[in-house]
């Protein structure tokens, strides 16, 4: 609790005690005023009030007012988000976060280089600053994308492709998923970004023949996916005529 919250809490406690003392001292006047009000208004449902009930009721209201600002809303939202993730997916059982580096490891795939116990933390896939272990990203994505729903599959596959754009075998599951969900703009943007990337790399003059062959192969496969996606999109429009 910070200083401002502590001061506010102490102020409320002092005010509450002062109110209780005033109720005790002026109870006869309060009771008389209540009886007069009841005789004027004549409510359908009436109840008697006692000093004890009044004090306890006010105490409960003040306690609630004190507790509301102290509720850690951000922590509650974090726990709720984590519970949603854990409830929808089982892949968290396989993942370990390195708190210091933000690297997400797989318990089995990365078994020989897991972070020490005190550096391990909770993971919600993927918070800002978290990323798959780069040298194992493709293998981790291939393994876990089969176990999760589409939103997490998308995150895993894009993370892996970003680390290894030439892993074009990962394009298929991603494009098929987007096609199934009719997210055609994502398909177009994804393939255009990768084609532009490979074309830019091939324009360099300092790449080796081996690397050039690898980039040309990836470019060819990305263009094949683009041609296929364009064909299916056009056929889909014909069916809608």
C-alpha atoms as a PDB file:
ATOM      1  CA  UNK A   1       0.000   0.000   0.000  1.00  0.00           C
ATOM      2  CA  UNK A   2       1.409   3.389  -0.963  1.00  0.00           C
ATOM      3  CA  UNK A   3       1.482   6.489   1.274  1.00  0.00           C
ATOM      4  CA  UNK A   4      -1.526   8.214  -0.285  1.00  0.00           C
ATOM      5  CA  UNK A   5      -3.701   5.110   0.187  1.00  0.00           C
ATOM      6  CA  UNK A   6      -2.545   4.786   3.799  1.00  0.00           C
ATOM      7  CA  UNK A   7      -3.381   8.434   4.542  1.00  0.00           C
ATOM      8  CA  UNK A   8      -6.815   8.035   2.949  1.00  0.00           C
ATOM      9  CA  UNK A   9      -7.444   4.886   4.963  1.00  0.00           C
ATOM     10  CA  UNK A  10      -6.491   6.575   8.247  1.00  0.00           C
ATOM     11  CA  UNK A  11      -8.735   9.539   7.374  1.00  0.00           C
ATOM     12  CA  UNK A  12     -11.687   7.231   6.766  1.00  0.00           C
ATOM     13  CA  UNK A  13     -11.098   5.378  10.022  1.00  0.00           C
ATOM     14  CA  UNK A  14     -10.973   8.658  12.011  1.00  0.00           C
ATOM     15  CA  UNK A  15     -14.097   9.915  10.265  1.00  0.00           C
ATOM     16  CA  UNK A  16     -15.879   6.625  10.934  1.00  0.00           C
ATOM     17  CA  UNK A  17     -15.026   6.745  14.650  1.00  0.00           C
ATOM     18  CA  UNK A  18     -16.217  10.357  14.857  1.00  0.00           C
ATOM     19  CA  UNK A  19     -19.494   9.386  13.195  1.00  0.00           C
ATOM     20  CA  UNK A  20     -20.020   6.516  15.637  1.00  0.00           C
ATOM     21  CA  UNK A  21     -19.453   8.804  18.626  1.00  0.00           C
ATOM     22  CA  UNK A  22     -21.911  11.336  17.214  1.00  0.00           C
ATOM     23  CA  UNK A  23     -24.551   8.619  16.727  1.00  0.00           C
ATOM     24  CA  UNK A  24     -24.162   7.470  20.348  1.00  0.00           C
ATOM     25  CA  UNK A  25     -24.405  11.026  21.729  1.00  0.00           C
ATOM     26  CA  UNK A  26     -27.307  12.168  19.555  1.00  0.00           C
ATOM     27  CA  UNK A  27     -29.238   8.924  19.336  1.00  0.00           C
ATOM     28  CA  UNK A  28     -32.376  10.269  21.013  1.00  0.00           C
ATOM     29  CA  UNK A  29     -32.578  13.147  18.515  1.00  0.00           C
ATOM     30  CA  UNK A  30     -31.968  10.786  15.566  1.00  0.00           C
ATOM     31  CA  UNK A  31     -34.685   8.403  16.795  1.00  0.00           C
ATOM     32  CA  UNK A  32     -37.197  11.245  17.290  1.00  0.00           C
ATOM     33  CA  UNK A  33     -36.484  12.660  13.809  1.00  0.00           C
ATOM     34  CA  UNK A  34     -36.977   9.213  12.267  1.00  0.00           C
ATOM     35  CA  UNK A  35     -40.349   8.765  14.010  1.00  0.00           C
ATOM     36  CA  UNK A  36     -41.531  12.194  12.783  1.00  0.00           C
ATOM     37  CA  UNK A  37     -40.442  11.423   9.211  1.00  0.00           C
ATOM     38  CA  UNK A  38     -42.242   8.079   9.329  1.00  0.00           C
ATOM     39  CA  UNK A  39     -45.483   9.764  10.525  1.00  0.00           C
ATOM     40  CA  UNK A  40     -45.333  12.265   7.642  1.00  0.00           C
ATOM     41  CA  UNK A  41     -44.362   9.899   4.818  1.00  0.00           C
ATOM     42  CA  UNK A  42     -46.389   6.925   6.115  1.00  0.00           C
ATOM     43  CA  UNK A  43     -44.516   4.226   4.132  1.00  0.00           C
ATOM     44  CA  UNK A  44     -46.236   0.928   3.262  1.00  0.00           C
ATOM     45  CA  UNK A  45     -43.437  -1.039   4.820  1.00  0.00           C
ATOM     46  CA  UNK A  46     -42.018   0.193   8.081  1.00  0.00           C
ATOM     47  CA  UNK A  47     -39.241  -1.057  10.308  1.00  0.00           C
ATOM     48  CA  UNK A  48     -37.809   0.022  13.593  1.00  0.00           C
ATOM     49  CA  UNK A  49     -34.238   1.179  13.906  1.00  0.00           C
ATOM     50  CA  UNK A  50     -31.866   0.554  16.753  1.00  0.00           C
ATOM     51  CA  UNK A  51     -28.600   2.198  17.613  1.00  0.00           C
ATOM     52  CA  UNK A  52     -26.705  -1.072  17.097  1.00  0.00           C
ATOM     53  CA  UNK A  53     -28.199  -1.665  13.635  1.00  0.00           C
ATOM     54  CA  UNK A  54     -27.441   1.872  12.594  1.00  0.00           C
ATOM     55  CA  UNK A  55     -23.826   1.677  13.736  1.00  0.00           C
ATOM     56  CA  UNK A  56     -23.266  -1.711  12.051  1.00  0.00           C
ATOM     57  CA  UNK A  57     -24.881  -0.548   8.779  1.00  0.00           C
ATOM     58  CA  UNK A  58     -22.761   2.579   8.584  1.00  0.00           C
ATOM     59  CA  UNK A  59     -19.701   0.542   9.518  1.00  0.00           C
ATOM     60  CA  UNK A  60     -20.368  -1.884   6.661  1.00  0.00           C
ATOM     61  CA  UNK A  61     -20.808   0.929   4.123  1.00  0.00           C
ATOM     62  CA  UNK A  62     -17.613   2.665   5.246  1.00  0.00           C
ATOM     63  CA  UNK A  63     -15.668  -0.620   5.158  1.00  0.00           C
ATOM     64  CA  UNK A  64     -16.827  -1.194   1.577  1.00  0.00           C
ATOM     65  CA  UNK A  65     -15.768   2.311   0.571  1.00  0.00           C
ATOM     66  CA  UNK A  66     -12.364   1.683   2.127  1.00  0.00           C
ATOM     67  CA  UNK A  67     -11.864  -1.649   0.345  1.00  0.00           C
ATOM     68  CA  UNK A  68     -12.838  -0.565  -3.192  1.00  0.00           C
ATOM     69  CA  UNK A  69      -9.756   1.630  -3.879  1.00  0.00           C
ATOM     70  CA  UNK A  70      -7.511  -1.091  -2.461  1.00  0.00           C
ATOM     71  CA  UNK A  71      -8.694  -3.794  -4.893  1.00  0.00           C
ATOM     72  CA  UNK A  72      -5.769  -4.631  -7.259  1.00  0.00           C
ATOM     73  CA  UNK A  73      -7.729  -4.378 -10.525  1.00  0.00           C
ATOM     74  CA  UNK A  74      -4.696  -4.975 -12.775  1.00  0.00           C
ATOM     75  CA  UNK A  75      -3.754  -8.122 -10.869  1.00  0.00           C
ATOM     76  CA  UNK A  76      -7.316  -9.440 -11.066  1.00  0.00           C
ATOM     77  CA  UNK A  77      -7.398  -8.845 -14.845  1.00  0.00           C
ATOM     78  CA  UNK A  78      -4.020 -10.587 -15.198  1.00  0.00           C
ATOM     79  CA  UNK A  79      -5.282 -13.623 -13.244  1.00  0.00           C
ATOM     80  CA  UNK A  80      -8.498 -13.692 -15.296  1.00  0.00           C
ATOM     81  CA  UNK A  81      -6.553 -13.574 -18.565  1.00  0.00           C
ATOM     82  CA  UNK A  82      -4.238 -16.318 -17.373  1.00  0.00           C
ATOM     83  CA  UNK A  83      -7.197 -18.447 -16.266  1.00  0.00           C
ATOM     84  CA  UNK A  84      -8.794 -18.015 -19.700  1.00  0.00           C
ATOM     85  CA  UNK A  85      -5.567 -19.058 -21.419  1.00  0.00           C
ATOM     86  CA  UNK A  86      -5.031 -22.050 -19.127  1.00  0.00           C
ATOM     87  CA  UNK A  87      -8.658 -23.088 -19.483  1.00  0.00           C
ATOM     88  CA  UNK A  88      -8.621 -23.026 -23.287  1.00  0.00           C
ATOM     89  CA  UNK A  89      -5.230 -24.556 -23.887  1.00  0.00           C
ATOM     90  CA  UNK A  90      -2.922 -27.206 -22.492  1.00  0.00           C
ATOM     91  CA  UNK A  91       0.269 -25.886 -24.075  1.00  0.00           C
ATOM     92  CA  UNK A  92       1.174 -23.855 -20.971  1.00  0.00           C
ATOM     93  CA  UNK A  93       2.186 -27.162 -19.420  1.00  0.00           C
ATOM     94  CA  UNK A  94       5.029 -27.370 -21.922  1.00  0.00           C
ATOM     95  CA  UNK A  95       6.245 -23.756 -21.801  1.00  0.00           C
ATOM     96  CA  UNK A  96       8.657 -22.027 -19.442  1.00  0.00           C
ATOM     97  CA  UNK A  97       9.387 -18.300 -19.492  1.00  0.00           C
ATOM     98  CA  UNK A  98      12.788 -16.854 -18.696  1.00  0.00           C
ATOM     99  CA  UNK A  99      11.846 -13.783 -16.673  1.00  0.00           C
ATOM    100  CA  UNK A 100      15.106 -11.992 -17.406  1.00  0.00           C
ATOM    101  CA  UNK A 101      15.331 -12.450 -21.172  1.00  0.00           C
ATOM    102  CA  UNK A 102      11.644 -12.898 -22.071  1.00  0.00           C
ATOM    103  CA  UNK A 103      12.515 -16.099 -23.966  1.00  0.00           C
ATOM    104  CA  UNK A 104       9.834 -18.805 -23.978  1.00  0.00           C
ATOM    105  CA  UNK A 105      11.245 -22.347 -23.816  1.00  0.00           C
ATOM    106  CA  UNK A 106       9.687 -25.755 -24.340  1.00  0.00           C
ATOM    107  CA  UNK A 107      10.214 -28.085 -21.365  1.00  0.00           C
ATOM    108  CA  UNK A 108      11.201 -31.029 -23.574  1.00  0.00           C
ATOM    109  CA  UNK A 109      12.618 -29.440 -26.733  1.00  0.00           C
ATOM    110  CA  UNK A 110      14.732 -27.015 -24.699  1.00  0.00           C
ATOM    111  CA  UNK A 111      15.446 -29.432 -21.844  1.00  0.00           C
ATOM    112  CA  UNK A 112      19.234 -28.943 -22.021  1.00  0.00           C
ATOM    113  CA  UNK A 113      19.131 -25.158 -21.587  1.00  0.00           C
ATOM    114  CA  UNK A 114      16.127 -24.257 -19.405  1.00  0.00           C
ATOM    115  CA  UNK A 115      16.429 -21.175 -17.142  1.00  0.00           C
ATOM    116  CA  UNK A 116      17.289 -21.670 -13.483  1.00  0.00           C
ATOM    117  CA  UNK A 117      14.359 -21.900 -11.077  1.00  0.00           C
ATOM    118  CA  UNK A 118      14.499 -18.315  -9.774  1.00  0.00           C
ATOM    119  CA  UNK A 119      14.405 -16.911 -13.323  1.00  0.00           C
ATOM    120  CA  UNK A 120      11.260 -18.789 -14.334  1.00  0.00           C
ATOM    121  CA  UNK A 121       7.932 -16.942 -14.558  1.00  0.00           C
ATOM    122  CA  UNK A 122       4.302 -17.170 -15.600  1.00  0.00           C
ATOM    123  CA  UNK A 123       3.494 -16.966 -19.281  1.00  0.00           C
ATOM    124  CA  UNK A 124       0.482 -15.677 -21.117  1.00  0.00           C
ATOM    125  CA  UNK A 125       1.131 -16.282 -24.791  1.00  0.00           C
ATOM    126  CA  UNK A 126       2.548 -13.834 -25.804  1.00  0.00           C
ATOM    127  CA  UNK A 127       2.859 -10.803 -23.582  1.00  0.00           C
ATOM    128  CA  UNK A 128       4.920  -7.850 -24.721  1.00  0.00           C
ATOM    129  CA  UNK A 129       8.617  -8.722 -24.744  1.00  0.00           C
ATOM    130  CA  UNK A 130       8.086 -12.498 -24.807  1.00  0.00           C
ATOM    131  CA  UNK A 131       9.318 -14.553 -27.775  1.00  0.00           C
ATOM    132  CA  UNK A 132      10.003 -18.191 -28.605  1.00  0.00           C
ATOM    133  CA  UNK A 133      13.550 -19.445 -28.262  1.00  0.00           C
ATOM    134  CA  UNK A 134      14.745 -18.452 -31.727  1.00  0.00           C
ATOM    135  CA  UNK A 135      16.821 -21.467 -32.654  1.00  0.00           C
ATOM    136  CA  UNK A 136      13.972 -23.789 -31.591  1.00  0.00           C
ATOM    137  CA  UNK A 137      11.019 -21.594 -32.624  1.00  0.00           C
ATOM    138  CA  UNK A 138      10.065 -23.620 -35.719  1.00  0.00           C
ATOM    139  CA  UNK A 139      10.148 -26.948 -33.897  1.00  0.00           C
ATOM    140  CA  UNK A 140       8.200 -25.538 -30.925  1.00  0.00           C
ATOM    141  CA  UNK A 141       5.550 -24.028 -33.225  1.00  0.00           C
ATOM    142  CA  UNK A 142       5.209 -27.257 -35.233  1.00  0.00           C
ATOM    143  CA  UNK A 143       4.767 -29.264 -32.055  1.00  0.00           C
ATOM    144  CA  UNK A 144       2.348 -27.014 -30.184  1.00  0.00           C
ATOM    145  CA  UNK A 145       0.250 -25.490 -32.993  1.00  0.00           C
ATOM    146  CA  UNK A 146      -1.565 -28.815 -33.319  1.00  0.00           C
ATOM    147  CA  UNK A 147      -2.752 -28.587 -29.699  1.00  0.00           C
ATOM    148  CA  UNK A 148      -4.269 -25.116 -29.614  1.00  0.00           C
ATOM    149  CA  UNK A 149      -7.192 -23.132 -30.961  1.00  0.00           C
ATOM    150  CA  UNK A 150      -6.778 -20.801 -33.917  1.00  0.00           C
ATOM    151  CA  UNK A 151      -5.876 -17.595 -32.034  1.00  0.00           C
ATOM    152  CA  UNK A 152      -2.917 -19.252 -30.297  1.00  0.00           C
ATOM    153  CA  UNK A 153      -1.961 -21.210 -33.407  1.00  0.00           C
ATOM    154  CA  UNK A 154      -1.692 -17.930 -35.306  1.00  0.00           C
ATOM    155  CA  UNK A 155       0.604 -16.448 -32.639  1.00  0.00           C
ATOM    156  CA  UNK A 156       2.859 -19.514 -32.545  1.00  0.00           C
ATOM    157  CA  UNK A 157       3.225 -19.863 -36.315  1.00  0.00           C
ATOM    158  CA  UNK A 158       3.805 -16.176 -37.012  1.00  0.00           C
ATOM    159  CA  UNK A 159       6.377 -16.033 -34.210  1.00  0.00           C
ATOM    160  CA  UNK A 160       8.201 -19.015 -35.713  1.00  0.00           C
ATOM    161  CA  UNK A 161       8.036 -17.664 -39.294  1.00  0.00           C
ATOM    162  CA  UNK A 162       9.302 -14.284 -38.149  1.00  0.00           C
ATOM    163  CA  UNK A 163      12.353 -16.056 -36.748  1.00  0.00           C
ATOM    164  CA  UNK A 164      12.728 -18.258 -39.822  1.00  0.00           C
ATOM    165  CA  UNK A 165      10.947 -16.838 -42.907  1.00  0.00           C
ATOM    166  CA  UNK A 166      12.358 -19.581 -45.144  1.00  0.00           C
ATOM    167  CA  UNK A 167      10.407 -22.228 -43.183  1.00  0.00           C
ATOM    168  CA  UNK A 168       7.704 -22.116 -45.837  1.00  0.00           C
ATOM    169  CA  UNK A 169       6.208 -25.430 -44.692  1.00  0.00           C
ATOM    170  CA  UNK A 170       4.657 -23.386 -41.845  1.00  0.00           C
ATOM    171  CA  UNK A 171       2.807 -21.152 -44.318  1.00  0.00           C
ATOM    172  CA  UNK A 172       0.279 -23.862 -45.179  1.00  0.00           C
ATOM    173  CA  UNK A 173      -1.384 -24.339 -41.764  1.00  0.00           C
ATOM    174  CA  UNK A 174      -1.556 -20.579 -41.288  1.00  0.00           C
ATOM    175  CA  UNK A 175      -3.066 -19.827 -44.715  1.00  0.00           C
ATOM    176  CA  UNK A 176      -5.542 -22.705 -44.451  1.00  0.00           C
ATOM    177  CA  UNK A 177      -6.674 -21.474 -41.049  1.00  0.00           C
ATOM    178  CA  UNK A 178      -7.186 -17.931 -42.340  1.00  0.00           C
ATOM    179  CA  UNK A 179      -8.992 -19.253 -45.417  1.00  0.00           C
ATOM    180  CA  UNK A 180     -11.329 -21.301 -43.254  1.00  0.00           C
ATOM    181  CA  UNK A 181     -12.093 -18.196 -41.193  1.00  0.00           C
ATOM    182  CA  UNK A 182     -12.462 -16.038 -44.364  1.00  0.00           C
ATOM    183  CA  UNK A 183      -9.609 -13.759 -43.270  1.00  0.00           C
ATOM    184  CA  UNK A 184      -8.407 -13.147 -46.813  1.00  0.00           C
ATOM    185  CA  UNK A 185      -6.753  -9.798 -46.081  1.00  0.00           C
ATOM    186  CA  UNK A 186      -4.423 -11.529 -43.627  1.00  0.00           C
ATOM    187  CA  UNK A 187      -3.430 -14.064 -46.294  1.00  0.00           C
ATOM    188  CA  UNK A 188      -2.689 -11.318 -48.813  1.00  0.00           C
ATOM    189  CA  UNK A 189      -0.716  -9.178 -46.329  1.00  0.00           C
ATOM    190  CA  UNK A 190       1.251 -12.142 -45.021  1.00  0.00           C
ATOM    191  CA  UNK A 191       2.299 -13.448 -48.428  1.00  0.00           C
ATOM    192  CA  UNK A 192       3.058  -9.969 -49.807  1.00  0.00           C
ATOM    193  CA  UNK A 193       5.285  -9.219 -46.812  1.00  0.00           C
ATOM    194  CA  UNK A 194       7.278 -12.428 -47.253  1.00  0.00           C
ATOM    195  CA  UNK A 195       7.607 -12.058 -51.034  1.00  0.00           C
ATOM    196  CA  UNK A 196       8.884  -8.489 -50.614  1.00  0.00           C
ATOM    197  CA  UNK A 197      11.304  -9.708 -47.965  1.00  0.00           C
ATOM    198  CA  UNK A 198      12.825 -12.439 -50.161  1.00  0.00           C
ATOM    199  CA  UNK A 199      13.028 -10.150 -53.187  1.00  0.00           C
ATOM    200  CA  UNK A 200      14.885  -7.596 -51.091  1.00  0.00           C
ATOM    201  CA  UNK A 201      17.361 -10.224 -49.887  1.00  0.00           C
ATOM    202  CA  UNK A 202      18.004 -11.444 -53.431  1.00  0.00           C
ATOM    203  CA  UNK A 203      18.888  -7.929 -54.571  1.00  0.00           C
ATOM    204  CA  UNK A 204      21.921  -7.971 -52.316  1.00  0.00           C
ATOM    205  CA  UNK A 205      25.251  -8.637 -54.010  1.00  0.00           C
ATOM    206  CA  UNK A 206      27.057 -10.195 -51.067  1.00  0.00           C
ATOM    207  CA  UNK A 207      25.057 -13.408 -50.634  1.00  0.00           C
ATOM    208  CA  UNK A 208      26.560 -16.816 -51.344  1.00  0.00           C
ATOM    209  CA  UNK A 209      25.152 -19.118 -54.066  1.00  0.00           C
ATOM    210  CA  UNK A 210      23.897 -21.502 -51.383  1.00  0.00           C
ATOM    211  CA  UNK A 211      21.994 -18.792 -49.534  1.00  0.00           C
ATOM    212  CA  UNK A 212      20.687 -17.357 -52.809  1.00  0.00           C
ATOM    213  CA  UNK A 213      19.313 -20.769 -53.778  1.00  0.00           C
ATOM    214  CA  UNK A 214      17.554 -20.997 -50.417  1.00  0.00           C
ATOM    215  CA  UNK A 215      15.946 -17.568 -50.816  1.00  0.00           C
ATOM    216  CA  UNK A 216      14.877 -18.274 -54.412  1.00  0.00           C
ATOM    217  CA  UNK A 217      13.227 -21.505 -53.324  1.00  0.00           C
ATOM    218  CA  UNK A 218      11.358 -19.715 -50.519  1.00  0.00           C
ATOM    219  CA  UNK A 219      10.319 -16.921 -52.892  1.00  0.00           C
ATOM    220  CA  UNK A 220       9.022 -19.446 -55.419  1.00  0.00           C
ATOM    221  CA  UNK A 221       6.978 -21.264 -52.763  1.00  0.00           C
ATOM    222  CA  UNK A 222       5.579 -18.008 -51.346  1.00  0.00           C
ATOM    223  CA  UNK A 223       4.490 -16.968 -54.855  1.00  0.00           C
ATOM    224  CA  UNK A 224       2.898 -20.374 -55.357  1.00  0.00           C
ATOM    225  CA  UNK A 225       0.867 -19.847 -52.184  1.00  0.00           C
ATOM    226  CA  UNK A 226      -0.079 -16.352 -53.393  1.00  0.00           C
ATOM    227  CA  UNK A 227      -1.224 -17.666 -56.792  1.00  0.00           C
ATOM    228  CA  UNK A 228      -3.244 -20.380 -55.094  1.00  0.00           C
ATOM    229  CA  UNK A 229      -4.845 -17.908 -52.659  1.00  0.00           C
ATOM    230  CA  UNK A 230      -5.733 -15.502 -55.502  1.00  0.00           C
ATOM    231  CA  UNK A 231      -7.268 -18.332 -57.512  1.00  0.00           C
ATOM    232  CA  UNK A 232      -9.419 -19.517 -54.593  1.00  0.00           C
ATOM    233  CA  UNK A 233     -10.504 -15.951 -53.837  1.00  0.00           C
ATOM    234  CA  UNK A 234     -11.604 -15.408 -57.440  1.00  0.00           C
ATOM    235  CA  UNK A 235     -13.419 -18.752 -57.537  1.00  0.00           C
ATOM    236  CA  UNK A 236     -15.190 -17.824 -54.302  1.00  0.00           C
ATOM    237  CA  UNK A 237     -16.421 -14.598 -55.921  1.00  0.00           C
ATOM    238  CA  UNK A 238     -17.760 -16.560 -58.920  1.00  0.00           C
ATOM    239  CA  UNK A 239     -19.794 -18.758 -56.554  1.00  0.00           C
ATOM    240  CA  UNK A 240     -21.307 -15.648 -55.019  1.00  0.00           C
ATOM    241  CA  UNK A 241     -22.557 -14.297 -58.365  1.00  0.00           C
END
